[in-house]
Every structure is written in structure tokens, then in C-alpha cells.
Amino acid sequence: MAVPFRRTSKSAKGKRRSHEKLTVPNLIECANCGEKIKSHIVCPSCGYYDGKKVK
């Protein structure tokens, strides 16, 4: 069975894992009530989407 010849350094491990990170969701203000919401969804506080009452 193959065994690593040398220990993986902290920098090599960090370079390999550089893309593994959390992303912050894009928040916009609701045009109706001003609440911060994710784009392209119905506002959970007032129920408006694209200027129309949906819920």
C-alpha cells in the first residue's frame, strides 16, 4: 500500500483547500417594505414580488 513520503505542509494544504469557503448570499432591499431579502424570491415579511402582492 502506498504511503506518503513526506508530510503535507501547511501551505500546500492551504493551497489545495483555497476554494473551500462559505459565500455570503446576495441580499437586496425589498422595493415594498425595505426588508433585506435574497433576490428572485417573495419577500417573507410583506409577501410582495416584482411589485405585486403574491402571498
PDB file of N, CA and C in Angstrom:
ATOM      1  N   MET A   1       0.838  -1.180   0.000  1.00  0.00           N
ATOM      2  CA  MET A   1       0.000   0.000   0.000  1.00  0.00           C
ATOM      3  C   MET A   1       0.885   1.247   0.000  1.00  0.00           C
ATOM      4  N   ALA A   2       0.541   2.241  -0.790  1.00  0.00           N
ATOM      5  CA  ALA A   2       1.343   3.454  -0.905  1.00  0.00           C
ATOM      6  C   ALA A   2       1.194   4.311   0.344  1.00  0.00           C
ATOM      7  N   VAL A   3       2.315   4.883   0.773  1.00  0.00           N
ATOM      8  CA  VAL A   3       2.359   5.743   1.950  1.00  0.00           C
ATOM      9  C   VAL A   3       3.012   7.049   1.526  1.00  0.00           C
ATOM     10  N   PRO A   4       2.505   8.212   1.971  1.00  0.00           N
ATOM     11  CA  PRO A   4       3.132   9.477   1.610  1.00  0.00           C
ATOM     12  C   PRO A   4       4.581   9.534   2.078  1.00  0.00           C
ATOM     13  N   PHE A   5       5.479   9.956   1.182  1.00  0.00           N
ATOM     14  CA  PHE A   5       6.910  10.022   1.507  1.00  0.00           C
ATOM     15  C   PHE A   5       7.187  11.164   2.467  1.00  0.00           C
ATOM     16  N   ARG A   6       6.551  12.309   2.232  1.00  0.00           N
ATOM     17  CA  ARG A   6       6.728  13.462   3.100  1.00  0.00           C
ATOM     18  C   ARG A   6       5.368  13.952   3.616  1.00  0.00           C
ATOM     19  N   ARG A   7       5.430  14.620   4.735  1.00  0.00           N
ATOM     20  CA  ARG A   7       4.215  15.201   5.321  1.00  0.00           C
ATOM     21  C   ARG A   7       3.765  16.377   4.456  1.00  0.00           C
ATOM     22  N   THR A   8       2.440  16.526   4.283  1.00  0.00           N
ATOM     23  CA  THR A   8       1.917  17.655   3.524  1.00  0.00           C
ATOM     24  C   THR A   8       2.058  18.918   4.364  1.00  0.00           C
ATOM     25  N   SER A   9       2.714  19.943   3.817  1.00  0.00           N
ATOM     26  CA  SER A   9       2.951  21.183   4.564  1.00  0.00           C
ATOM     27  C   SER A   9       1.660  21.974   4.732  1.00  0.00           C
ATOM     28  N   LYS A  10       1.679  22.923   5.663  1.00  0.00           N
ATOM     29  CA  LYS A  10       0.506  23.761   5.916  1.00  0.00           C
ATOM     30  C   LYS A  10       0.159  24.588   4.683  1.00  0.00           C
ATOM     31  N   SER A  11       1.179  25.096   3.977  1.00  0.00           N
ATOM     32  CA  SER A  11       0.910  25.928   2.804  1.00  0.00           C
ATOM     33  C   SER A  11       0.337  25.099   1.653  1.00  0.00           C
ATOM     34  N   ALA A  12       0.837  23.895   1.449  1.00  0.00           N
ATOM     35  CA  ALA A  12       0.304  23.037   0.391  1.00  0.00           C
ATOM     36  C   ALA A  12      -1.133  22.642   0.689  1.00  0.00           C
ATOM     37  N   LYS A  13      -1.398  22.362   1.968  1.00  0.00           N
ATOM     38  CA  LYS A  13      -2.750  22.009   2.373  1.00  0.00           C
ATOM     39  C   LYS A  13      -3.679  23.207   2.181  1.00  0.00           C
ATOM     40  N   GLY A  14      -3.191  24.409   2.514  1.00  0.00           N
ATOM     41  CA  GLY A  14      -3.985  25.621   2.343  1.00  0.00           C
ATOM     42  C   GLY A  14      -4.269  25.933   0.893  1.00  0.00           C
ATOM     43  N   LYS A  15      -3.280  25.709   0.022  1.00  0.00           N
ATOM     44  CA  LYS A  15      -3.480  25.948  -1.414  1.00  0.00           C
ATOM     45  C   LYS A  15      -4.520  24.990  -1.985  1.00  0.00           C
ATOM     46  N   ARG A  16      -4.493  23.758  -1.522  1.00  0.00           N
ATOM     47  CA  ARG A  16      -5.452  22.772  -2.004  1.00  0.00           C
ATOM     48  C   ARG A  16      -6.865  23.124  -1.545  1.00  0.00           C
ATOM     49  N   ARG A  17      -6.992  23.670  -0.343  1.00  0.00           N
ATOM     50  CA  ARG A  17      -8.301  23.966   0.223  1.00  0.00           C
ATOM     51  C   ARG A  17      -8.744  25.399  -0.028  1.00  0.00           C
ATOM     52  N   SER A  18      -8.062  26.143  -0.851  1.00  0.00           N
ATOM     53  CA  SER A  18      -8.340  27.568  -1.018  1.00  0.00           C
ATOM     54  C   SER A  18      -9.735  27.843  -1.571  1.00  0.00           C
ATOM     55  N   HIS A  19     -10.331  26.914  -2.290  1.00  0.00           N
ATOM     56  CA  HIS A  19     -11.656  27.133  -2.868  1.00  0.00           C
ATOM     57  C   HIS A  19     -12.774  26.685  -1.941  1.00  0.00           C
ATOM     58  N   GLU A  20     -12.450  26.042  -0.809  1.00  0.00           N
ATOM     59  CA  GLU A  20     -13.465  25.561   0.122  1.00  0.00           C
ATOM     60  C   GLU A  20     -13.803  26.663   1.114  1.00  0.00           C
ATOM     61  N   LYS A  21     -14.738  27.506   0.746  1.00  0.00           N
ATOM     62  CA  LYS A  21     -15.099  28.599   1.639  1.00  0.00           C
ATOM     63  C   LYS A  21     -16.591  28.868   1.529  1.00  0.00           C
ATOM     64  N   LEU A  22     -17.126  29.545   2.538  1.00  0.00           N
ATOM     65  CA  LEU A  22     -18.536  29.905   2.535  1.00  0.00           C
ATOM     66  C   LEU A  22     -18.721  31.198   1.752  1.00  0.00           C
ATOM     67  N   THR A  23     -19.858  31.312   1.081  1.00  0.00           N
ATOM     68  CA  THR A  23     -20.153  32.539   0.348  1.00  0.00           C
ATOM     69  C   THR A  23     -21.324  33.244   1.010  1.00  0.00           C
ATOM     70  N   VAL A  24     -21.280  34.543   1.018  1.00  0.00           N
ATOM     71  CA  VAL A  24     -22.348  35.349   1.596  1.00  0.00           C
ATOM     72  C   VAL A  24     -23.449  35.515   0.552  1.00  0.00           C
ATOM     73  N   PRO A  25     -24.717  35.273   0.917  1.00  0.00           N
ATOM     74  CA  PRO A  25     -25.792  35.438  -0.063  1.00  0.00           C
ATOM     75  C   PRO A  25     -25.960  36.905  -0.448  1.00  0.00           C
ATOM     76  N   ASN A  26     -26.317  37.132  -1.717  1.00  0.00           N
ATOM     77  CA  ASN A  26     -26.550  38.490  -2.200  1.00  0.00           C
ATOM     78  C   ASN A  26     -27.883  38.985  -1.670  1.00  0.00           C
ATOM     79  N   LEU A  27     -27.855  39.970  -0.776  1.00  0.00           N
ATOM     80  CA  LEU A  27     -29.085  40.498  -0.208  1.00  0.00           C
ATOM     81  C   LEU A  27     -29.418  41.833  -0.848  1.00  0.00           C
ATOM     82  N   ILE A  28     -30.691  42.005  -1.177  1.00  0.00           N
ATOM     83  CA  ILE A  28     -31.168  43.270  -1.732  1.00  0.00           C
ATOM     84  C   ILE A  28     -32.292  43.781  -0.841  1.00  0.00           C
ATOM     85  N   GLU A  29     -32.684  45.032  -1.016  1.00  0.00           N
ATOM     86  CA  GLU A  29     -33.795  45.585  -0.251  1.00  0.00           C
ATOM     87  C   GLU A  29     -35.099  45.332  -0.992  1.00  0.00           C
ATOM     88  N   CYS A  30     -36.111  44.940  -0.256  1.00  0.00           N
ATOM     89  CA  CYS A  30     -37.446  44.770  -0.824  1.00  0.00           C
ATOM     90  C   CYS A  30     -37.943  46.146  -1.260  1.00  0.00           C
ATOM     91  N   ALA A  31     -38.472  46.231  -2.478  1.00  0.00           N
ATOM     92  CA  ALA A  31     -38.946  47.513  -3.008  1.00  0.00           C
ATOM     93  C   ALA A  31     -40.167  48.012  -2.254  1.00  0.00           C
ATOM     94  N   ASN A  32     -40.916  47.101  -1.639  1.00  0.00           N
ATOM     95  CA  ASN A  32     -42.148  47.485  -0.950  1.00  0.00           C
ATOM     96  C   ASN A  32     -41.905  47.892   0.502  1.00  0.00           C
ATOM     97  N   CYS A  33     -41.207  47.042   1.276  1.00  0.00           N
ATOM     98  CA  CYS A  33     -41.076  47.303   2.715  1.00  0.00           C
ATOM     99  C   CYS A  33     -39.655  47.662   3.143  1.00  0.00           C
ATOM    100  N   GLY A  34     -38.650  47.460   2.285  1.00  0.00           N
ATOM    101  CA  GLY A  34     -37.272  47.811   2.626  1.00  0.00           C
ATOM    102  C   GLY A  34     -36.524  46.746   3.397  1.00  0.00           C
ATOM    103  N   GLU A  35     -37.137  45.591   3.627  1.00  0.00           N
ATOM    104  CA  GLU A  35     -36.501  44.480   4.329  1.00  0.00           C
ATOM    105  C   GLU A  35     -35.407  43.864   3.455  1.00  0.00           C
ATOM    106  N   LYS A  36     -34.308  43.392   4.053  1.00  0.00           N
ATOM    107  CA  LYS A  36     -33.244  42.731   3.303  1.00  0.00           C
ATOM    108  C   LYS A  36     -33.689  41.307   2.970  1.00  0.00           C
ATOM    109  N   ILE A  37     -33.688  40.960   1.657  1.00  0.00           N
ATOM    110  CA  ILE A  37     -34.114  39.634   1.214  1.00  0.00           C
ATOM    111  C   ILE A  37     -33.161  39.134   0.135  1.00  0.00           C
ATOM    112  N   LYS A  38     -33.204  37.808  -0.118  1.00  0.00           N
ATOM    113  CA  LYS A  38     -32.471  37.252  -1.245  1.00  0.00           C
ATOM    114  C   LYS A  38     -33.199  37.628  -2.525  1.00  0.00           C
ATOM    115  N   SER A  39     -32.453  37.837  -3.606  1.00  0.00           N
ATOM    116  CA  SER A  39     -33.083  38.249  -4.855  1.00  0.00           C
ATOM    117  C   SER A  39     -33.861  37.087  -5.475  1.00  0.00           C
ATOM    118  N   HIS A  40     -34.867  37.416  -6.266  1.00  0.00           N
ATOM    119  CA  HIS A  40     -35.702  36.468  -7.012  1.00  0.00           C
ATOM    120  C   HIS A  40     -36.546  35.576  -6.114  1.00  0.00           C
ATOM    121  N   ILE A  41     -36.922  36.047  -4.922  1.00  0.00           N
ATOM    122  CA  ILE A  41     -37.847  35.304  -4.078  1.00  0.00           C
ATOM    123  C   ILE A  41     -38.904  36.266  -3.551  1.00  0.00           C
ATOM    124  N   VAL A  42     -40.029  35.715  -3.092  1.00  0.00           N
ATOM    125  CA  VAL A  42     -41.092  36.518  -2.497  1.00  0.00           C
ATOM    126  C   VAL A  42     -40.603  37.004  -1.137  1.00  0.00           C
ATOM    127  N   CYS A  43     -40.882  38.267  -0.830  1.00  0.00           N
ATOM    128  CA  CYS A  43     -40.475  38.838   0.458  1.00  0.00           C
ATOM    129  C   CYS A  43     -41.239  38.127   1.575  1.00  0.00           C
ATOM    130  N   PRO A  44     -40.542  37.531   2.551  1.00  0.00           N
ATOM    131  CA  PRO A  44     -41.246  36.810   3.611  1.00  0.00           C
ATOM    132  C   PRO A  44     -42.004  37.728   4.571  1.00  0.00           C
ATOM    133  N   SER A  45     -41.616  39.002   4.659  1.00  0.00           N
ATOM    134  CA  SER A  45     -42.285  39.880   5.618  1.00  0.00           C
ATOM    135  C   SER A  45     -43.558  40.517   5.053  1.00  0.00           C
ATOM    136  N   CYS A  46     -43.535  40.929   3.775  1.00  0.00           N
ATOM    137  CA  CYS A  46     -44.725  41.606   3.232  1.00  0.00           C
ATOM    138  C   CYS A  46     -45.436  40.800   2.138  1.00  0.00           C
ATOM    139  N   GLY A  47     -44.771  39.804   1.534  1.00  0.00           N
ATOM    140  CA  GLY A  47     -45.432  38.953   0.540  1.00  0.00           C
ATOM    141  C   GLY A  47     -45.452  39.514  -0.858  1.00  0.00           C
ATOM    142  N   TYR A  48     -44.651  40.535  -1.128  1.00  0.00           N
ATOM    143  CA  TYR A  48     -44.610  41.134  -2.465  1.00  0.00           C
ATOM    144  C   TYR A  48     -43.465  40.534  -3.285  1.00  0.00           C
ATOM    145  N   TYR A  49     -43.670  40.453  -4.605  1.00  0.00           N
ATOM    146  CA  TYR A  49     -42.620  40.057  -5.556  1.00  0.00           C
ATOM    147  C   TYR A  49     -42.829  40.831  -6.835  1.00  0.00           C
ATOM    148  N   ASP A  50     -41.821  41.520  -7.290  1.00  0.00           N
ATOM    149  CA  ASP A  50     -41.859  42.297  -8.534  1.00  0.00           C
ATOM    150  C   ASP A  50     -42.989  43.318  -8.510  1.00  0.00           C
ATOM    151  N   GLY A  51     -43.227  43.922  -7.340  1.00  0.00           N
ATOM    152  CA  GLY A  51     -44.237  44.974  -7.214  1.00  0.00           C
ATOM    153  C   GLY A  51     -45.673  44.485  -7.114  1.00  0.00           C
ATOM    154  N   LYS A  52     -45.868  43.152  -7.047  1.00  0.00           N
ATOM    155  CA  LYS A  52     -47.217  42.607  -6.979  1.00  0.00           C
ATOM    156  C   LYS A  52     -47.391  41.794  -5.699  1.00  0.00           C
ATOM    157  N   LYS A  53     -48.581  41.833  -5.114  1.00  0.00           N
ATOM    158  CA  LYS A  53     -48.896  41.047  -3.935  1.00  0.00           C
ATOM    159  C   LYS A  53     -49.025  39.596  -4.358  1.00  0.00           C
ATOM    160  N   VAL A  54     -48.230  38.702  -3.786  1.00  0.00           N
ATOM    161  CA  VAL A  54     -48.238  37.295  -4.173  1.00  0.00           C
ATOM    162  C   VAL A  54     -48.836  36.441  -3.057  1.00  0.00           C
ATOM    163  N   LYS A  55     -48.517  36.790  -1.815  1.00  0.00           N
ATOM    164  CA  LYS A  55     -48.941  35.916  -0.721  1.00  0.00           C
ATOM    165  C   LYS A  55     -49.606  36.702   0.366  1.00  0.00           C
TER     166      LYS A  55
END
